[in-house]
């Protein structure tokens, strides 16, 4: 090993997948055991454009017409396990995905990109690849311009091990959901710049590079293994909103203004519905369509806009983005509960008391004159 850039001599370094997929990764590394084909039965559905909250709830209900196993991923995606619906509808999972597209367009005017695979990891990656491919076709079409609205598509990853290995082989580390930019850079520095090379690397080697827990997860992902099931959840347990910039945004001040706008809107929705949130997350989507998500548990469940805004700012600032080209920011509040059941720590701070009185007055003005009657000074219009 030379100084500077590190490299590893790995099987499959010439671009050929060196290991096969599915089954269980042995604890000591090596080729996964029990490599058996599995019928694709998981749909990852990404709606576009990002639907309003009421439309999103309707789209989740639409998915519920096919299967009760639906996991909401606000503000614009969902996972569905249609294993039990294949025989009932007499279609494969890709056929059910086409039904979802047709019904979403007919009822709500919302198109979607659907990834179909044997587990959530591969379904997400399939949807991302379909979206990238569709975007490339639009930008390379007549006139060379991208249309204002992206068309949807369905991309299926077959369940047999050879097909999955081929699908994953040349994917960069950042394409694996759960691998962030820092981990991807670390892996690439050691010559592990594709899923095939990561899959071929001994688990012990990855553990020295990434640590034991992270190495096990990344090694499994590189083999296309995702043991996490689709978990039905109650969409009312979370609310989300996203701000898409008109162009890739470099200015951190405008990103903070977008977060302020999102936090203000979510705060109003929480108070109107009589709920408070226990946690908040910020998702930043970059120009290359990769994302970073950070989550923080709030000091106490709240619907107070200044508290939500302060937490959103802290999460954004902790990312340390420098010259990052940001395409959108999304804010999500989680762990929702009835406001009457939440405990609030009393304070003798007059500024806090004044802020809450002003917030209540602003809510009354919005209820009487409309949601746009009162806005924060730094409010950004929706792009």
Protein backbone atom coordinates (compact mmCIF):
# COMPACT_ATOMS: atom_id res chain seq x y z
CA UNK A 1 0.00 0.00 0.00
CA UNK A 2 1.41 3.35 -1.01
CA UNK A 3 1.11 6.66 0.76
CA UNK A 4 -1.68 9.04 -0.26
CA UNK A 5 -4.45 7.25 -2.09
CA UNK A 6 -5.02 3.73 -0.80
CA UNK A 7 -5.88 0.76 -2.97
CA UNK A 8 -6.84 -2.84 -2.50
CA UNK A 9 -6.36 -5.77 -4.86
CA UNK A 10 -9.85 -7.21 -5.06
CA UNK A 11 -11.60 -9.90 -7.07
CA UNK A 12 -13.79 -8.33 -9.71
CA UNK A 13 -11.62 -5.21 -9.92
CA UNK A 14 -11.98 -5.25 -13.67
CA UNK A 15 -15.65 -4.33 -13.30
CA UNK A 16 -17.08 -7.84 -13.10
CA UNK A 17 -19.26 -8.68 -10.11
CA UNK A 18 -17.28 -11.03 -7.91
CA UNK A 19 -20.03 -12.16 -5.57
CA UNK A 20 -23.65 -13.14 -5.82
CA UNK A 21 -26.57 -11.84 -4.02
CA UNK A 22 -29.29 -12.55 -1.51
CA UNK A 23 -29.39 -14.90 1.39
CA UNK A 24 -27.39 -14.23 4.54
CA UNK A 25 -23.92 -12.72 4.72
CA UNK A 26 -21.65 -14.99 6.79
CA UNK A 27 -20.35 -13.33 9.92
CA UNK A 28 -16.78 -13.83 8.80
CA UNK A 29 -17.35 -12.35 5.34
CA UNK A 30 -17.21 -14.14 2.01
CA UNK A 31 -19.93 -15.08 -0.44
CA UNK A 32 -23.50 -14.95 0.95
CA UNK A 33 -25.08 -18.27 1.72
CA UNK A 34 -28.42 -19.51 0.43
CA UNK A 35 -28.47 -17.45 -2.77
CA UNK A 36 -32.03 -18.08 -3.87
CA UNK A 37 -34.18 -16.14 -6.32
CA UNK A 38 -37.05 -14.22 -4.75
CA UNK A 39 -40.08 -12.87 -6.61
CA UNK A 40 -40.11 -9.04 -6.65
CA UNK A 41 -42.90 -7.90 -4.33
CA UNK A 42 -41.83 -4.52 -2.90
CA UNK A 43 -42.81 -1.22 -4.55
CA UNK A 44 -40.99 2.02 -3.80
CA UNK A 45 -43.28 4.76 -5.11
CA UNK A 46 -42.01 8.32 -5.57
CA UNK A 47 -44.73 10.84 -6.47
CA UNK A 48 -43.98 13.95 -8.51
CA UNK A 49 -44.46 16.78 -8.26
CA UNK A 50 -44.45 16.71 -4.45
CA UNK A 51 -48.16 16.45 -3.57
CA UNK A 52 -49.92 18.62 -0.99
CA UNK A 53 -50.61 16.90 2.34
CA UNK A 54 -54.26 16.11 1.56
CA UNK A 55 -53.36 14.66 -1.85
CA UNK A 56 -50.55 12.62 -0.29
CA UNK A 57 -53.02 11.08 2.17
CA UNK A 58 -55.26 10.18 -0.77
CA UNK A 59 -52.36 8.54 -2.59
CA UNK A 60 -51.59 6.44 0.48
CA UNK A 61 -55.23 5.36 0.53
CA UNK A 62 -54.87 4.44 -3.15
CA UNK A 63 -51.94 2.16 -2.30
CA UNK A 64 -54.02 0.70 0.53
CA UNK A 65 -56.51 -0.51 -2.07
CA UNK A 66 -53.84 -2.95 -3.28
CA UNK A 67 -52.26 -3.97 0.02
CA UNK A 68 -52.57 -3.12 3.71
CA UNK A 69 -48.78 -3.22 4.06
CA UNK A 70 -47.97 0.42 3.20
CA UNK A 71 -45.20 2.44 4.81
CA UNK A 72 -45.59 6.20 4.42
CA UNK A 73 -42.39 8.14 3.65
CA UNK A 74 -43.55 11.78 3.65
CA UNK A 75 -43.66 14.09 1.88
CA UNK A 76 -43.61 12.34 -1.50
CA UNK A 77 -42.87 8.60 -1.26
CA UNK A 78 -44.11 5.30 0.12
CA UNK A 79 -43.18 1.62 0.30
CA UNK A 80 -45.71 -1.14 -0.35
CA UNK A 81 -45.37 -4.90 0.07
CA UNK A 82 -47.72 -6.43 -2.52
CA UNK A 83 -46.77 -10.06 -1.93
CA UNK A 84 -50.31 -10.91 -0.84
CA UNK A 85 -51.89 -9.05 -3.77
CA UNK A 86 -50.09 -10.82 -6.62
CA UNK A 87 -52.43 -13.79 -6.78
CA UNK A 88 -55.55 -11.78 -5.96
CA UNK A 89 -55.06 -9.36 -8.86
CA UNK A 90 -53.51 -11.94 -11.16
CA UNK A 91 -50.58 -9.63 -11.96
CA UNK A 92 -46.93 -9.43 -11.09
CA UNK A 93 -45.56 -6.55 -9.03
CA UNK A 94 -44.65 -4.51 -12.12
CA UNK A 95 -48.25 -4.85 -13.31
CA UNK A 96 -49.50 -3.56 -9.96
CA UNK A 97 -47.04 -0.66 -10.23
CA UNK A 98 -48.63 0.31 -13.55
CA UNK A 99 -52.05 0.24 -11.88
CA UNK A 100 -50.76 2.63 -9.21
CA UNK A 101 -49.48 5.01 -11.91
CA UNK A 102 -52.75 5.00 -13.85
CA UNK A 103 -54.92 5.51 -10.76
CA UNK A 104 -52.69 8.27 -9.33
CA UNK A 105 -52.85 10.17 -12.63
CA UNK A 106 -56.58 9.65 -13.09
CA UNK A 107 -57.61 10.61 -9.56
CA UNK A 108 -55.06 13.20 -8.50
CA UNK A 109 -53.14 14.27 -11.60
CA UNK A 110 -49.94 13.03 -9.93
CA UNK A 111 -47.46 10.81 -11.76
CA UNK A 112 -45.00 8.54 -10.01
CA UNK A 113 -41.80 6.62 -10.51
CA UNK A 114 -41.93 3.09 -9.12
CA UNK A 115 -39.08 0.77 -8.29
CA UNK A 116 -40.00 -2.92 -8.07
CA UNK A 117 -37.72 -5.45 -6.37
CA UNK A 118 -37.47 -8.16 -3.74
CA UNK A 119 -36.66 -5.76 -0.87
CA UNK A 120 -36.90 -2.04 -0.01
CA UNK A 121 -33.20 -1.34 -0.70
CA UNK A 122 -33.31 -2.58 -4.29
CA UNK A 123 -36.73 -1.03 -4.90
CA UNK A 124 -35.41 2.41 -3.87
CA UNK A 125 -32.39 2.04 -6.11
CA UNK A 126 -34.54 0.91 -9.03
CA UNK A 127 -36.80 3.95 -8.67
CA UNK A 128 -33.79 6.26 -8.49
CA UNK A 129 -32.31 4.71 -11.63
CA UNK A 130 -35.64 5.06 -13.47
CA UNK A 131 -35.87 8.71 -12.46
CA UNK A 132 -32.31 9.40 -13.57
CA UNK A 133 -32.90 7.65 -16.89
CA UNK A 134 -36.12 9.55 -17.51
CA UNK A 135 -34.41 12.85 -16.70
CA UNK A 136 -31.58 12.08 -19.12
CA UNK A 137 -34.06 11.27 -21.90
CA UNK A 138 -35.97 14.51 -21.34
CA UNK A 139 -32.86 16.70 -21.28
CA UNK A 140 -31.50 14.97 -24.36
CA UNK A 141 -34.74 15.14 -26.34
CA UNK A 142 -35.71 17.57 -29.13
CA UNK A 143 -34.80 21.10 -28.17
CA UNK A 144 -32.41 19.87 -25.49
CA UNK A 145 -34.55 21.25 -22.67
CA UNK A 146 -36.10 19.55 -19.70
CA UNK A 147 -39.87 19.72 -19.55
CA UNK A 148 -41.43 21.43 -16.55
CA UNK A 149 -42.87 18.15 -15.30
CA UNK A 150 -41.07 14.83 -15.16
CA UNK A 151 -42.81 11.74 -16.50
CA UNK A 152 -43.04 8.65 -14.38
CA UNK A 153 -41.71 5.18 -15.07
CA UNK A 154 -41.53 1.66 -13.65
CA UNK A 155 -38.19 -0.11 -13.21
CA UNK A 156 -38.02 -3.74 -12.06
CA UNK A 157 -35.01 -5.56 -10.64
CA UNK A 158 -35.54 -9.30 -11.27
CA UNK A 159 -35.26 -11.55 -8.25
CA UNK A 160 -32.58 -13.97 -9.47
CA UNK A 161 -29.09 -13.47 -8.03
CA UNK A 162 -27.34 -12.95 -11.38
CA UNK A 163 -29.72 -10.15 -12.37
CA UNK A 164 -29.32 -8.39 -9.02
CA UNK A 165 -25.51 -8.71 -9.15
CA UNK A 166 -25.55 -7.18 -12.64
CA UNK A 167 -27.85 -4.36 -11.48
CA UNK A 168 -25.56 -3.51 -8.56
CA UNK A 169 -22.16 -4.15 -10.14
CA UNK A 170 -21.23 -0.67 -11.37
CA UNK A 171 -23.24 1.37 -8.89
CA UNK A 172 -21.05 3.82 -6.93
CA UNK A 173 -21.12 3.61 -3.11
CA UNK A 174 -23.26 6.76 -2.86
CA UNK A 175 -26.02 4.95 -4.80
CA UNK A 176 -26.54 2.55 -1.89
CA UNK A 177 -29.31 4.02 0.30
CA UNK A 178 -27.83 4.68 3.70
CA UNK A 179 -24.30 5.42 2.44
CA UNK A 180 -23.56 9.13 2.85
CA UNK A 181 -20.97 11.27 1.07
CA UNK A 182 -18.33 10.86 3.82
CA UNK A 183 -18.57 7.05 3.85
CA UNK A 184 -18.55 6.96 0.04
CA UNK A 185 -15.37 9.07 -0.05
CA UNK A 186 -13.70 6.80 2.50
CA UNK A 187 -14.55 3.68 0.51
CA UNK A 188 -13.41 5.23 -2.78
CA UNK A 189 -10.11 6.23 -1.20
CA UNK A 190 -9.40 2.52 -0.70
CA UNK A 191 -10.40 1.64 -4.25
CA UNK A 192 -13.89 0.46 -3.24
CA UNK A 193 -15.62 2.66 -5.78
CA UNK A 194 -18.41 0.30 -6.87
CA UNK A 195 -20.90 -2.02 -5.23
CA UNK A 196 -19.17 -4.99 -6.89
CA UNK A 197 -15.82 -4.15 -5.28
CA UNK A 198 -17.44 -3.58 -1.89
CA UNK A 199 -19.22 -6.94 -2.17
CA UNK A 200 -15.96 -8.67 -3.10
CA UNK A 201 -13.98 -7.13 -0.24
CA UNK A 202 -13.53 -9.30 2.88
CA UNK A 203 -15.79 -8.19 5.70
CA UNK A 204 -12.78 -7.93 7.99
CA UNK A 205 -11.22 -5.39 5.62
CA UNK A 206 -14.37 -3.28 5.59
CA UNK A 207 -14.51 -3.42 9.38
CA UNK A 208 -11.02 -1.95 9.63
CA UNK A 209 -12.06 0.87 7.29
CA UNK A 210 -15.57 1.65 8.54
CA UNK A 211 -15.97 0.01 11.92
CA UNK A 212 -17.82 -3.20 12.73
CA UNK A 213 -21.47 -2.12 12.63
CA UNK A 214 -21.23 0.12 9.56
CA UNK A 215 -19.16 -2.45 7.68
CA UNK A 216 -21.77 -5.18 8.21
CA UNK A 217 -24.55 -2.95 6.90
CA UNK A 218 -22.62 -1.69 3.86
CA UNK A 219 -21.39 -5.20 3.01
CA UNK A 220 -24.96 -6.50 3.07
CA UNK A 221 -26.24 -3.58 0.97
CA UNK A 222 -23.54 -4.17 -1.65
CA UNK A 223 -24.90 -7.72 -1.99
CA UNK A 224 -28.43 -6.38 -2.36
CA UNK A 225 -29.49 -7.69 1.04
CA UNK A 226 -31.95 -5.68 3.10
CA UNK A 227 -33.60 -7.55 5.99
CA UNK A 228 -35.79 -4.57 6.93
CA UNK A 229 -39.46 -5.30 6.17
CA UNK A 230 -42.01 -2.83 4.90
CA UNK A 231 -43.56 -1.60 8.15
CA UNK A 232 -47.11 -0.26 8.01
CA UNK A 233 -47.25 3.03 9.85
CA UNK A 234 -49.78 5.68 10.63
CA UNK A 235 -49.15 8.66 8.36
CA UNK A 236 -50.64 10.93 11.00
CA UNK A 237 -47.54 10.25 13.11
CA UNK A 238 -45.55 12.55 10.84
CA UNK A 239 -45.93 15.66 8.71
CA UNK A 240 -43.55 16.91 6.08
CA UNK A 241 -42.98 19.67 3.56
CA UNK A 242 -40.32 20.41 0.96
CA UNK A 243 -39.00 23.57 -0.69
CA UNK A 244 -37.51 23.15 -4.17
CA UNK A 245 -35.29 26.00 -5.30
CA UNK A 246 -35.72 27.41 -8.80
CA UNK A 247 -32.03 26.74 -9.38
CA UNK A 248 -29.32 24.92 -7.45
CA UNK A 249 -28.86 27.02 -4.33
CA UNK A 250 -25.41 27.91 -2.98
CA UNK A 251 -26.47 30.61 -0.52
CA UNK A 252 -26.85 29.29 3.07
CA UNK A 253 -28.98 32.32 3.96
CA UNK A 254 -31.61 31.37 1.39
CA UNK A 255 -31.52 27.78 2.62
CA UNK A 256 -32.20 29.00 6.16
CA UNK A 257 -35.05 31.17 4.87
CA UNK A 258 -36.53 28.08 3.20
CA UNK A 259 -36.28 26.17 6.50
CA UNK A 260 -37.99 29.07 8.29
CA UNK A 261 -40.81 28.95 5.74
CA UNK A 262 -41.22 25.20 6.14
CA UNK A 263 -41.09 25.33 9.95
CA UNK A 264 -43.71 28.09 10.02
CA UNK A 265 -46.05 26.06 7.80
CA UNK A 266 -45.60 22.87 9.80
CA UNK A 267 -46.11 24.74 13.07
CA UNK A 268 -49.42 26.14 11.81
CA UNK A 269 -50.56 22.69 10.67
CA UNK A 270 -49.62 21.12 14.01
CA UNK A 271 -51.46 23.75 16.05
CA UNK A 272 -54.51 23.66 13.77
CA UNK A 273 -54.76 19.88 14.18
CA UNK A 274 -54.14 20.06 17.93
CA UNK A 275 -50.90 18.08 17.77
CA UNK A 276 -47.29 18.45 18.88
CA UNK A 277 -44.12 16.84 17.51
CA UNK A 278 -41.46 14.96 19.46
CA UNK A 279 -38.74 15.00 16.76
CA UNK A 280 -37.74 16.88 13.64
CA UNK A 281 -35.63 15.94 10.62
CA UNK A 282 -34.01 17.93 7.81
CA UNK A 283 -33.32 16.41 4.40
CA UNK A 284 -31.04 18.18 1.93
CA UNK A 285 -31.17 17.08 -1.71
CA UNK A 286 -28.13 18.02 -3.79
CA UNK A 287 -27.66 18.75 -7.49
CA UNK A 288 -26.51 15.16 -8.12
CA UNK A 289 -29.77 13.98 -6.46
CA UNK A 290 -28.02 12.46 -3.49
CA UNK A 291 -29.49 13.35 -0.10
CA UNK A 292 -28.45 13.84 3.51
CA UNK A 293 -30.94 13.49 6.37
CA UNK A 294 -30.42 14.45 9.99
CA UNK A 295 -32.91 13.95 12.85
CA UNK A 296 -33.11 15.45 16.33
CA UNK A 297 -35.37 14.68 19.27
CA UNK A 298 -36.84 17.91 20.60
CA UNK A 299 -36.34 18.93 24.23
CA UNK A 300 -40.11 18.53 24.67
CA UNK A 301 -42.97 17.80 22.26
CA UNK A 302 -43.97 21.11 20.70
CA UNK A 303 -45.81 22.90 17.93
CA UNK A 304 -44.14 26.24 18.71
CA UNK A 305 -42.72 27.63 15.46
CA UNK A 306 -39.60 29.26 17.00
CA UNK A 307 -38.64 25.94 18.64
CA UNK A 308 -39.11 24.06 15.36
CA UNK A 309 -37.16 26.71 13.46
CA UNK A 310 -34.26 26.69 15.93
CA UNK A 311 -33.99 22.88 15.70
CA UNK A 312 -34.11 23.01 11.88
CA UNK A 313 -31.36 25.66 11.81
CA UNK A 314 -29.18 23.59 14.17
CA UNK A 315 -29.52 20.47 12.02
CA UNK A 316 -28.74 22.42 8.85
CA UNK A 317 -25.73 24.20 10.33
CA UNK A 318 -24.35 20.91 11.70
CA UNK A 319 -24.06 19.61 8.14
CA UNK A 320 -21.28 22.13 7.50
CA UNK A 321 -22.23 22.59 3.85
CA UNK A 322 -19.64 24.61 1.96
CA UNK A 323 -20.26 25.49 -1.67
CA UNK A 324 -22.83 22.71 -1.81
CA UNK A 325 -25.28 22.96 -4.71
CA UNK A 326 -28.61 22.30 -3.02
CA UNK A 327 -31.67 21.50 -5.08
CA UNK A 328 -34.21 21.28 -2.25
CA UNK A 329 -34.62 21.15 1.50
CA UNK A 330 -37.32 19.19 3.30
CA UNK A 331 -38.51 19.38 6.88
CA UNK A 332 -40.38 16.60 8.66
CA UNK A 333 -41.86 16.49 12.16
CA UNK A 334 -42.32 13.06 13.71
CA UNK A 335 -43.74 11.39 16.79
CA UNK A 336 -46.96 13.40 16.67
CA UNK A 337 -49.29 13.26 19.64
CA UNK A 338 -52.31 15.07 21.01
CA UNK A 339 -51.21 18.45 22.36
CA UNK A 340 -53.38 17.92 25.44
CA UNK A 341 -51.36 14.85 26.43
CA UNK A 342 -47.94 16.51 26.14
CA UNK A 343 -46.14 18.03 29.11
CA UNK A 344 -44.79 21.58 28.81
CA UNK A 345 -41.98 22.88 31.00
CA UNK A 346 -43.09 26.19 32.52
CA UNK A 347 -40.65 29.06 32.23
CA UNK A 348 -40.34 32.49 33.77
CA UNK A 349 -38.85 33.88 30.57
CA UNK A 350 -41.11 36.79 29.51
CA UNK A 351 -39.79 36.59 25.95
CA UNK A 352 -41.06 33.02 25.58
CA UNK A 353 -44.46 33.94 26.98
CA UNK A 354 -44.69 36.93 24.64
CA UNK A 355 -43.69 34.80 21.65
CA UNK A 356 -46.44 32.28 22.37
CA UNK A 357 -49.07 35.03 22.78
CA UNK A 358 -48.03 36.53 19.44
CA UNK A 359 -48.17 33.10 17.82
CA UNK A 360 -51.71 32.54 19.12
CA UNK A 361 -52.76 35.96 17.77
CA UNK A 362 -51.21 35.16 14.39
CA UNK A 363 -53.12 31.86 14.29
CA UNK A 364 -56.39 33.69 14.95
CA UNK A 365 -55.60 36.10 12.12
CA UNK A 366 -54.85 33.21 9.75
CA UNK A 367 -58.10 31.47 10.71
CA UNK A 368 -60.05 34.61 9.90
CA UNK A 369 -58.21 36.06 6.90
CA UNK A 370 -56.40 33.09 5.38
CA UNK A 371 -53.09 31.28 5.76
CA UNK A 372 -51.12 34.07 4.06
CA UNK A 373 -52.42 36.79 6.39
CA UNK A 374 -49.38 36.49 8.66
CA UNK A 375 -45.95 35.33 7.50
CA UNK A 376 -42.41 35.41 8.92
CA UNK A 377 -40.24 38.30 7.73
CA UNK A 378 -37.88 35.88 5.96
CA UNK A 379 -40.66 33.92 4.20
CA UNK A 380 -39.78 32.44 0.80
CA UNK A 381 -42.46 32.02 -1.85
CA UNK A 382 -42.86 28.42 -3.01
CA UNK A 383 -40.60 27.74 -5.98
